[in-house]
Amino acid sequence: MLFLQFLKLGLIAFGGPAAHAGLMERELVARKKWISAQTLLDFLGAVNLIPGPNSTQLTMLVGYRFQGFWGLLVSGGGFILPAALITGVLAWAYVSMGSIPAVGHILFGLKPAILAIIAGAIFQLGKKALKNAWLALMGAAALLALWFGLGEVPVILGAGAVGMVSRMLQLARTRYGKKKHGAAGAQKNSPKNKRLWIFPLLPLSQAVIVAAAQTASLKLFWIFFKIGALLFGSGYLLVAYMDAELVDRLGLLTRAQLLDAIAIGQFTPGPILTAATFVGYQLEGIQGAVAATLGIFLPSVFFILLLYPLIPRLRRSPITSAFLDSVNMAAVCVMLWVSIYMAIEVTVDWRSASILALSLIAVFWIRRISSVWIVLSGALTGYLLQLVFPS
């Protein structure tokens, strides 16, 4: 069940992390009701604090919530698999023909439809995140910081720090008032320590390293493992990481080949990090594609195993709960900021604007309709409009 659900999401997950979070809100919260909007919001805020592909980590958190370690692997694997397979096929075509197949007409209608899904998620998650006037002020400050060019990670971490300090000061004033009036009391809270189920990762990581070594792709696996472990912020920073490692330092790729890999990563559904699959195939064929894909996504498994037990603990303490609420508010604002830029780029003429308007109607007025139909309808409408009304 988990695998099939995330496989379906992986097939239609165009548009980057903001779009992927929108799809999960619509499918897992509104339609399936597997998790609450607050839980998804907490997960979204948490994954923005760790390196790696945020949307993939979001699927892993949901899977871990339902079926533990194996649920993490099943949900994350289902989400990644479609993009990895499609990227592998396109990499084969690229190596065979020396160019990327024309795909612009397919993306024309997809992008407005995805943008509408993001808008629906921002509205639903924003209602949950906006708990009081202080968080509204925090959101406004986050948007202002983004306007002045501050990065996503500093904005989210900064919001969390400000929220936590503010809550500490509020509690300090309250305690001082109680002591002043002779009030005393203690709240006992001894949460049980949960042991992380990290042991299955040991044979898994050993098997991956052995397999990579046997296929002469250990070096490639290690390169992408390092990238996956250090990649904070937007997935588009992958360009800078791979350029520094594969083009400048090792000279394994030309810059033109790297840009082609990123273009393929943007076109395919799922995380843009599957550009690693494309690069791996270019360098070592199928074995290289497998090694690079495993390398760039494996660190996220470790991060999620460490992160998951911390999220409920953050909620138990009033101070860390304030940190999480502020992080959640900032994360929604980052989604809003990204969607504004996407809207400017996507609505280039009346055709794309029409698709966006129709998709928004479907998202806001027909909440039970599957995201699959919205995405497919957008793609088909865009294709037909280009045929009938060519630019």
Protein backbone atom coordinates (compact mmCIF):
# COMPACT_ATOMS: atom_id res chain seq x y z
CA MET A 1 0.00 0.00 0.00
CA LEU A 2 2.73 2.48 0.99
CA PHE A 3 4.89 1.54 -1.97
CA LEU A 4 2.06 1.92 -4.50
CA GLN A 5 0.93 5.25 -3.05
CA PHE A 6 4.40 6.78 -3.20
CA LEU A 7 5.09 5.18 -6.56
CA LYS A 8 2.03 7.04 -7.86
CA LEU A 9 3.25 10.27 -6.27
CA GLY A 10 6.69 9.70 -7.77
CA LEU A 11 5.17 9.41 -11.25
CA ILE A 12 3.49 12.84 -11.08
CA ALA A 13 5.88 14.70 -8.73
CA PHE A 14 6.96 17.46 -11.11
CA GLY A 15 8.05 20.91 -10.00
CA GLY A 16 10.49 20.56 -7.11
CA PRO A 17 10.13 20.23 -3.30
CA ALA A 18 7.35 22.81 -2.93
CA ALA A 19 5.25 20.98 -5.52
CA HIS A 20 6.00 17.61 -3.93
CA ALA A 21 4.86 18.87 -0.53
CA GLY A 22 1.70 20.14 -2.21
CA LEU A 23 1.02 16.75 -3.72
CA MET A 24 1.49 15.03 -0.37
CA GLU A 25 -0.84 17.47 1.36
CA ARG A 26 -3.52 16.82 -1.21
CA GLU A 27 -3.10 13.05 -1.42
CA LEU A 28 -2.12 12.03 2.12
CA VAL A 29 -3.98 14.66 4.15
CA ALA A 30 -7.03 15.77 2.14
CA ARG A 31 -7.88 12.59 0.21
CA LYS A 32 -6.44 9.60 2.09
CA LYS A 33 -6.43 11.21 5.56
CA TRP A 34 -3.41 9.10 6.49
CA ILE A 35 -1.83 11.92 8.49
CA SER A 36 -3.01 15.28 9.83
CA ALA A 37 -2.04 18.61 8.32
CA GLN A 38 -0.18 19.43 11.54
CA THR A 39 1.91 16.25 11.30
CA LEU A 40 2.81 16.97 7.68
CA LEU A 41 3.67 20.53 8.65
CA ASP A 42 5.94 19.32 11.47
CA PHE A 43 7.63 16.90 9.07
CA LEU A 44 8.06 19.64 6.49
CA GLY A 45 9.63 22.01 8.99
CA ALA A 46 11.93 19.28 10.31
CA VAL A 47 13.34 18.14 6.95
CA ASN A 48 14.26 21.72 6.12
CA LEU A 49 16.76 21.55 8.99
CA ILE A 50 18.81 18.65 7.61
CA PRO A 51 20.85 18.10 4.42
CA GLY A 52 19.49 16.15 1.49
CA PRO A 53 16.41 16.06 -0.77
CA ASN A 54 13.63 17.45 1.41
CA SER A 55 10.68 15.97 -0.49
CA THR A 56 12.21 12.48 -0.47
CA GLN A 57 12.89 12.81 3.25
CA LEU A 58 9.27 13.84 3.73
CA THR A 59 8.11 10.58 2.15
CA MET A 60 10.56 8.66 4.34
CA LEU A 61 9.18 10.27 7.50
CA VAL A 62 5.63 9.30 6.53
CA GLY A 63 6.72 5.75 5.76
CA TYR A 64 8.62 5.49 9.05
CA ARG A 65 5.54 6.69 10.94
CA PHE A 66 3.45 3.84 9.54
CA GLN A 67 5.83 0.89 9.26
CA GLY A 68 9.12 1.84 10.88
CA PHE A 69 12.42 1.28 9.13
CA TRP A 70 11.02 -0.84 6.30
CA GLY A 71 8.24 1.68 5.72
CA LEU A 72 10.94 4.33 5.37
CA LEU A 73 12.69 2.30 2.66
CA VAL A 74 9.45 1.37 0.88
CA SER A 75 8.02 4.90 0.76
CA GLY A 76 11.31 6.55 -0.17
CA GLY A 77 12.09 3.88 -2.75
CA GLY A 78 8.64 4.12 -4.33
CA PHE A 79 8.97 7.89 -4.64
CA ILE A 80 12.48 7.78 -6.15
CA LEU A 81 12.00 4.79 -8.48
CA PRO A 82 9.97 6.44 -11.31
CA ALA A 83 12.38 9.36 -11.65
CA ALA A 84 15.42 7.09 -11.52
CA LEU A 85 14.04 4.76 -14.21
CA ILE A 86 12.91 7.59 -16.49
CA THR A 87 16.25 9.37 -16.03
CA GLY A 88 18.09 6.13 -16.82
CA VAL A 89 16.16 5.70 -20.08
CA LEU A 90 16.82 9.32 -21.06
CA ALA A 91 20.50 8.89 -20.19
CA TRP A 92 20.65 5.88 -22.51
CA ALA A 93 19.00 7.95 -25.28
CA TYR A 94 21.41 10.81 -24.62
CA VAL A 95 24.48 8.57 -24.82
CA SER A 96 23.12 6.79 -27.91
CA MET A 97 21.94 9.87 -29.83
CA GLY A 98 24.13 12.58 -28.32
CA SER A 99 21.23 14.89 -27.42
CA ILE A 100 18.21 15.27 -25.15
CA PRO A 101 14.81 14.40 -26.66
CA ALA A 102 12.53 17.42 -27.10
CA VAL A 103 10.25 17.63 -24.06
CA GLY A 104 9.25 21.29 -23.84
CA HIS A 105 5.71 20.76 -25.14
CA ILE A 106 5.03 18.25 -22.36
CA LEU A 107 6.18 20.63 -19.64
CA PHE A 108 4.10 23.54 -20.96
CA GLY A 109 0.84 22.38 -19.38
CA LEU A 110 2.37 20.48 -16.47
CA LYS A 111 3.89 23.50 -14.78
CA PRO A 112 0.67 25.54 -14.32
CA ALA A 113 -1.14 22.47 -12.98
CA ILE A 114 1.64 21.80 -10.47
CA LEU A 115 1.62 25.48 -9.47
CA ALA A 116 -2.09 25.21 -8.63
CA ILE A 117 -1.42 22.19 -6.41
CA ILE A 118 1.31 24.15 -4.59
CA ALA A 119 -1.16 27.00 -4.03
CA GLY A 120 -3.66 24.60 -2.48
CA ALA A 121 -1.01 23.20 -0.14
CA ILE A 122 0.17 26.66 0.92
CA PHE A 123 -3.43 27.59 1.79
CA GLN A 124 -4.12 24.43 3.81
CA LEU A 125 -0.76 24.24 5.58
CA GLY A 126 -0.70 27.99 6.11
CA LYS A 127 -3.99 27.81 8.03
CA LYS A 128 -2.42 25.27 10.38
CA ALA A 129 0.87 27.14 10.72
CA LEU A 130 -0.71 30.55 11.39
CA LYS A 131 -1.65 29.92 15.04
CA ASN A 132 -1.32 33.44 16.41
CA ALA A 133 -0.31 37.02 15.60
CA TRP A 134 3.31 36.39 16.59
CA LEU A 135 3.66 33.65 13.97
CA ALA A 136 2.04 35.95 11.40
CA LEU A 137 4.74 38.51 12.19
CA MET A 138 7.35 35.77 11.92
CA GLY A 139 6.04 34.81 8.49
CA ALA A 140 6.15 38.42 7.30
CA ALA A 141 9.75 38.72 8.53
CA ALA A 142 10.67 35.48 6.72
CA LEU A 143 9.22 36.79 3.45
CA LEU A 144 11.08 40.07 3.91
CA ALA A 145 14.34 38.21 4.51
CA LEU A 146 13.78 36.15 1.35
CA TRP A 147 13.07 39.37 -0.55
CA PHE A 148 16.49 40.71 0.50
CA GLY A 149 18.17 37.54 -0.77
CA LEU A 150 18.74 35.56 2.43
CA GLY A 151 18.91 31.81 1.76
CA GLU A 152 16.17 29.35 2.65
CA VAL A 153 18.11 27.52 5.38
CA PRO A 154 19.20 30.69 7.27
CA VAL A 155 15.63 32.02 7.10
CA ILE A 156 14.14 28.80 8.52
CA LEU A 157 16.80 28.35 11.20
CA GLY A 158 16.64 32.04 12.11
CA ALA A 159 12.86 31.90 12.51
CA GLY A 160 13.19 28.86 14.76
CA ALA A 161 15.83 30.54 16.91
CA VAL A 162 13.79 33.75 17.30
CA GLY A 163 10.66 31.77 18.15
CA MET A 164 12.49 29.70 20.75
CA VAL A 165 14.14 32.71 22.43
CA SER A 166 10.83 34.56 22.51
CA ARG A 167 9.14 31.62 24.20
CA MET A 168 11.98 31.32 26.73
CA LEU A 169 11.60 34.98 27.67
CA GLN A 170 7.83 34.58 27.99
CA LEU A 171 8.22 31.57 30.28
CA ALA A 172 10.85 33.38 32.34
CA ARG A 173 8.47 36.30 32.93
CA THR A 174 5.67 33.88 33.87
CA ARG A 175 7.86 32.00 36.38
CA TYR A 176 9.09 35.24 37.87
CA GLY A 177 5.47 36.33 38.34
CA LYS A 178 4.58 33.03 40.03
CA LYS A 179 7.54 33.23 42.40
CA LYS A 180 6.68 36.80 43.22
CA HIS A 181 3.18 35.77 44.30
CA GLY A 182 4.37 32.71 46.17
CA ALA A 183 3.27 30.21 43.56
CA ALA A 184 5.35 27.13 43.17
CA GLY A 185 4.91 23.94 41.30
CA ALA A 186 6.70 21.44 39.23
CA GLN A 187 5.52 19.47 36.27
CA LYS A 188 6.90 16.00 36.11
CA ASN A 189 7.73 14.77 32.72
CA SER A 190 10.00 11.85 32.14
CA PRO A 191 9.65 10.80 28.54
CA LYS A 192 10.94 7.37 27.78
CA ASN A 193 14.03 7.21 25.70
CA LYS A 194 13.41 5.48 22.42
CA ARG A 195 16.16 3.48 20.90
CA LEU A 196 16.86 4.19 17.27
CA TRP A 197 16.52 1.14 15.06
CA ILE A 198 19.74 1.84 13.25
CA PHE A 199 21.17 -1.67 13.22
CA PRO A 200 19.51 -2.75 9.93
CA LEU A 201 21.42 0.08 8.27
CA LEU A 202 24.75 -1.59 9.00
CA PRO A 203 24.29 -4.63 6.74
CA LEU A 204 22.49 -2.42 4.21
CA SER A 205 25.36 0.06 3.96
CA GLN A 206 27.88 -2.80 3.83
CA ALA A 207 25.93 -4.43 1.00
CA VAL A 208 25.82 -1.16 -0.94
CA ILE A 209 29.57 -0.59 -0.56
CA VAL A 210 30.41 -4.17 -1.53
CA ALA A 211 28.13 -3.99 -4.57
CA ALA A 212 29.63 -0.67 -5.63
CA ALA A 213 33.15 -2.01 -5.24
CA GLN A 214 32.33 -5.10 -7.27
CA THR A 215 31.02 -2.96 -10.13
CA ALA A 216 34.08 -0.66 -10.05
CA SER A 217 31.82 2.26 -9.07
CA LEU A 218 32.85 2.74 -5.43
CA LYS A 219 34.50 6.07 -6.21
CA LEU A 220 31.35 7.31 -7.94
CA PHE A 221 29.20 6.08 -5.04
CA TRP A 222 31.41 7.93 -2.55
CA ILE A 223 31.34 11.18 -4.53
CA PHE A 224 27.54 11.26 -4.54
CA PHE A 225 27.30 10.02 -0.95
CA LYS A 226 29.29 13.09 0.13
CA ILE A 227 27.06 15.36 -1.95
CA GLY A 228 23.90 13.83 -0.47
CA ALA A 229 25.28 14.25 3.06
CA LEU A 230 26.22 17.92 2.61
CA LEU A 231 23.49 19.27 0.32
CA PHE A 232 21.66 21.89 2.37
CA GLY A 233 18.95 24.08 0.90
CA SER A 234 17.55 23.96 -2.61
CA GLY A 235 18.13 20.92 -4.79
CA TYR A 236 19.42 23.32 -7.43
CA LEU A 237 22.57 23.73 -5.33
CA LEU A 238 23.34 20.29 -6.74
CA VAL A 239 24.65 22.13 -9.81
CA ALA A 240 27.35 23.88 -7.78
CA TYR A 241 28.31 20.71 -5.91
CA MET A 242 28.64 18.54 -9.02
CA ASP A 243 30.39 21.30 -10.94
CA ALA A 244 33.04 21.64 -8.24
CA GLU A 245 33.54 17.88 -7.81
CA LEU A 246 33.01 16.33 -11.25
CA VAL A 247 33.98 19.16 -13.60
CA ASP A 248 36.63 21.25 -11.85
CA ARG A 249 38.32 18.79 -9.47
CA LEU A 250 38.07 15.43 -11.26
CA GLY A 251 37.39 16.47 -14.86
CA LEU A 252 34.97 13.56 -15.38
CA LEU A 253 32.31 15.71 -17.07
CA THR A 254 32.17 18.79 -19.26
CA ARG A 255 30.04 21.68 -18.06
CA ALA A 256 27.70 21.16 -21.02
CA GLN A 257 27.14 17.54 -19.99
CA LEU A 258 26.46 18.64 -16.42
CA LEU A 259 23.85 21.17 -17.54
CA ASP A 260 22.20 18.50 -19.67
CA ALA A 261 22.03 16.26 -16.58
CA ILE A 262 20.37 19.05 -14.57
CA ALA A 263 17.90 19.68 -17.41
CA ILE A 264 16.92 16.01 -17.35
CA GLY A 265 16.56 16.19 -13.57
CA GLN A 266 14.19 19.13 -13.97
CA PHE A 267 12.12 17.42 -16.64
CA THR A 268 11.60 14.10 -14.88
CA PRO A 269 9.20 13.71 -11.94
CA GLY A 270 10.50 13.27 -8.42
CA PRO A 271 13.57 14.88 -6.83
CA ILE A 272 16.03 16.76 -9.03
CA LEU A 273 18.78 14.73 -7.36
CA THR A 274 18.05 11.92 -9.82
CA ALA A 275 20.32 13.95 -12.10
CA ALA A 276 22.91 11.80 -10.33
CA THR A 277 21.42 8.78 -12.14
CA PHE A 278 22.02 10.53 -15.47
CA VAL A 279 25.63 11.38 -14.58
CA GLY A 280 26.29 7.88 -13.26
CA TYR A 281 25.07 6.32 -16.51
CA GLN A 282 27.25 8.66 -18.56
CA LEU A 283 30.34 7.68 -16.59
CA GLU A 284 29.84 3.98 -15.78
CA GLY A 285 26.70 2.78 -17.57
CA ILE A 286 23.98 0.99 -15.60
CA GLN A 287 26.35 0.15 -12.74
CA GLY A 288 27.34 3.80 -12.42
CA ALA A 289 23.70 4.91 -12.49
CA VAL A 290 22.84 2.53 -9.62
CA ALA A 291 25.91 3.54 -7.59
CA ALA A 292 25.31 7.29 -8.01
CA THR A 293 21.59 7.00 -7.19
CA LEU A 294 22.22 4.94 -4.05
CA GLY A 295 25.05 7.23 -3.02
CA ILE A 296 23.11 10.48 -3.17
CA PHE A 297 19.96 9.18 -1.43
CA LEU A 298 21.45 6.87 1.22
CA PRO A 299 22.50 9.66 3.65
CA SER A 300 18.84 10.67 3.93
CA VAL A 301 18.03 7.27 5.43
CA PHE A 302 20.50 7.93 8.25
CA PHE A 303 19.23 11.47 8.78
CA ILE A 304 15.58 10.38 9.01
CA LEU A 305 16.38 7.61 11.50
CA LEU A 306 18.05 10.23 13.68
CA LEU A 307 15.39 12.91 13.14
CA TYR A 308 12.11 10.99 13.57
CA PRO A 309 12.35 10.36 17.34
CA LEU A 310 13.16 14.04 17.91
CA ILE A 311 9.98 15.50 16.36
CA PRO A 312 7.52 14.39 19.11
CA ARG A 313 10.07 15.47 21.73
CA LEU A 314 10.16 18.91 20.17
CA ARG A 315 6.39 19.07 20.59
CA ARG A 316 6.49 18.03 24.27
CA SER A 317 8.57 21.00 25.41
CA PRO A 318 7.00 24.49 25.18
CA ILE A 319 10.35 25.99 24.16
CA THR A 320 11.19 23.54 21.38
CA SER A 321 7.52 23.48 20.34
CA ALA A 322 7.82 27.23 19.74
CA PHE A 323 10.96 26.50 17.70
CA LEU A 324 9.04 23.98 15.56
CA ASP A 325 6.04 26.30 15.10
CA SER A 326 8.33 29.09 13.90
CA VAL A 327 10.21 26.73 11.58
CA ASN A 328 6.88 25.53 10.15
CA MET A 329 5.72 29.09 9.52
CA ALA A 330 9.00 29.93 7.76
CA ALA A 331 8.81 26.73 5.68
CA VAL A 332 5.34 27.66 4.41
CA CYS A 333 6.66 31.14 3.55
CA VAL A 334 9.52 29.58 1.60
CA MET A 335 6.94 27.54 -0.36
CA LEU A 336 4.99 30.76 -1.02
CA TRP A 337 8.12 32.58 -2.17
CA VAL A 338 9.10 29.77 -4.54
CA SER A 339 5.58 29.60 -5.95
CA ILE A 340 5.59 33.35 -6.70
CA TYR A 341 8.74 32.98 -8.78
CA MET A 342 7.33 29.91 -10.48
CA ALA A 343 4.12 31.79 -11.33
CA ILE A 344 6.12 34.59 -12.96
CA GLU A 345 8.06 32.08 -15.06
CA VAL A 346 5.11 29.81 -15.91
CA THR A 347 2.35 32.23 -16.92
CA VAL A 348 4.06 33.42 -20.07
CA ASP A 349 0.89 33.84 -22.15
CA TRP A 350 -2.89 33.40 -22.07
CA ARG A 351 -2.63 29.64 -22.67
CA SER A 352 -0.58 28.90 -19.56
CA ALA A 353 -2.64 31.40 -17.54
CA SER A 354 -5.82 29.58 -18.60
CA ILE A 355 -4.43 26.21 -17.53
CA LEU A 356 -3.42 27.70 -14.19
CA ALA A 357 -6.91 29.16 -13.66
CA LEU A 358 -8.66 25.86 -14.49
CA SER A 359 -6.27 23.93 -12.27
CA LEU A 360 -6.87 26.33 -9.37
CA ILE A 361 -10.61 25.72 -9.71
CA ALA A 362 -10.03 21.97 -9.57
CA VAL A 363 -7.71 22.26 -6.55
CA PHE A 364 -9.85 24.60 -4.42
CA TRP A 365 -13.37 23.51 -5.36
CA ILE A 366 -12.95 19.76 -5.98
CA ARG A 367 -10.76 18.71 -3.06
CA ARG A 368 -11.42 15.01 -3.52
CA ILE A 369 -10.12 14.84 -7.09
CA SER A 370 -6.79 13.05 -7.39
CA SER A 371 -3.69 15.07 -8.18
CA VAL A 372 -2.99 12.57 -10.98
CA TRP A 373 -5.97 13.85 -12.97
CA ILE A 374 -5.08 17.49 -12.38
CA VAL A 375 -1.52 16.93 -13.60
CA LEU A 376 -2.53 14.80 -16.61
CA SER A 377 -5.31 17.22 -17.56
CA GLY A 378 -2.89 20.13 -17.42
CA ALA A 379 -0.37 18.31 -19.61
CA LEU A 380 -3.01 17.30 -22.18
CA THR A 381 -4.60 20.77 -22.25
CA GLY A 382 -1.22 22.41 -22.72
CA TYR A 383 -0.33 20.05 -25.54
CA LEU A 384 -3.64 20.67 -27.35
CA LEU A 385 -3.45 24.44 -26.92
CA GLN A 386 0.02 24.43 -28.45
CA LEU A 387 -1.27 22.48 -31.43
CA VAL A 388 -4.31 24.67 -31.99
CA PHE A 389 -2.74 28.01 -31.03
CA PRO A 390 0.99 27.76 -31.77
CA SER A 391 3.03 30.71 -30.54
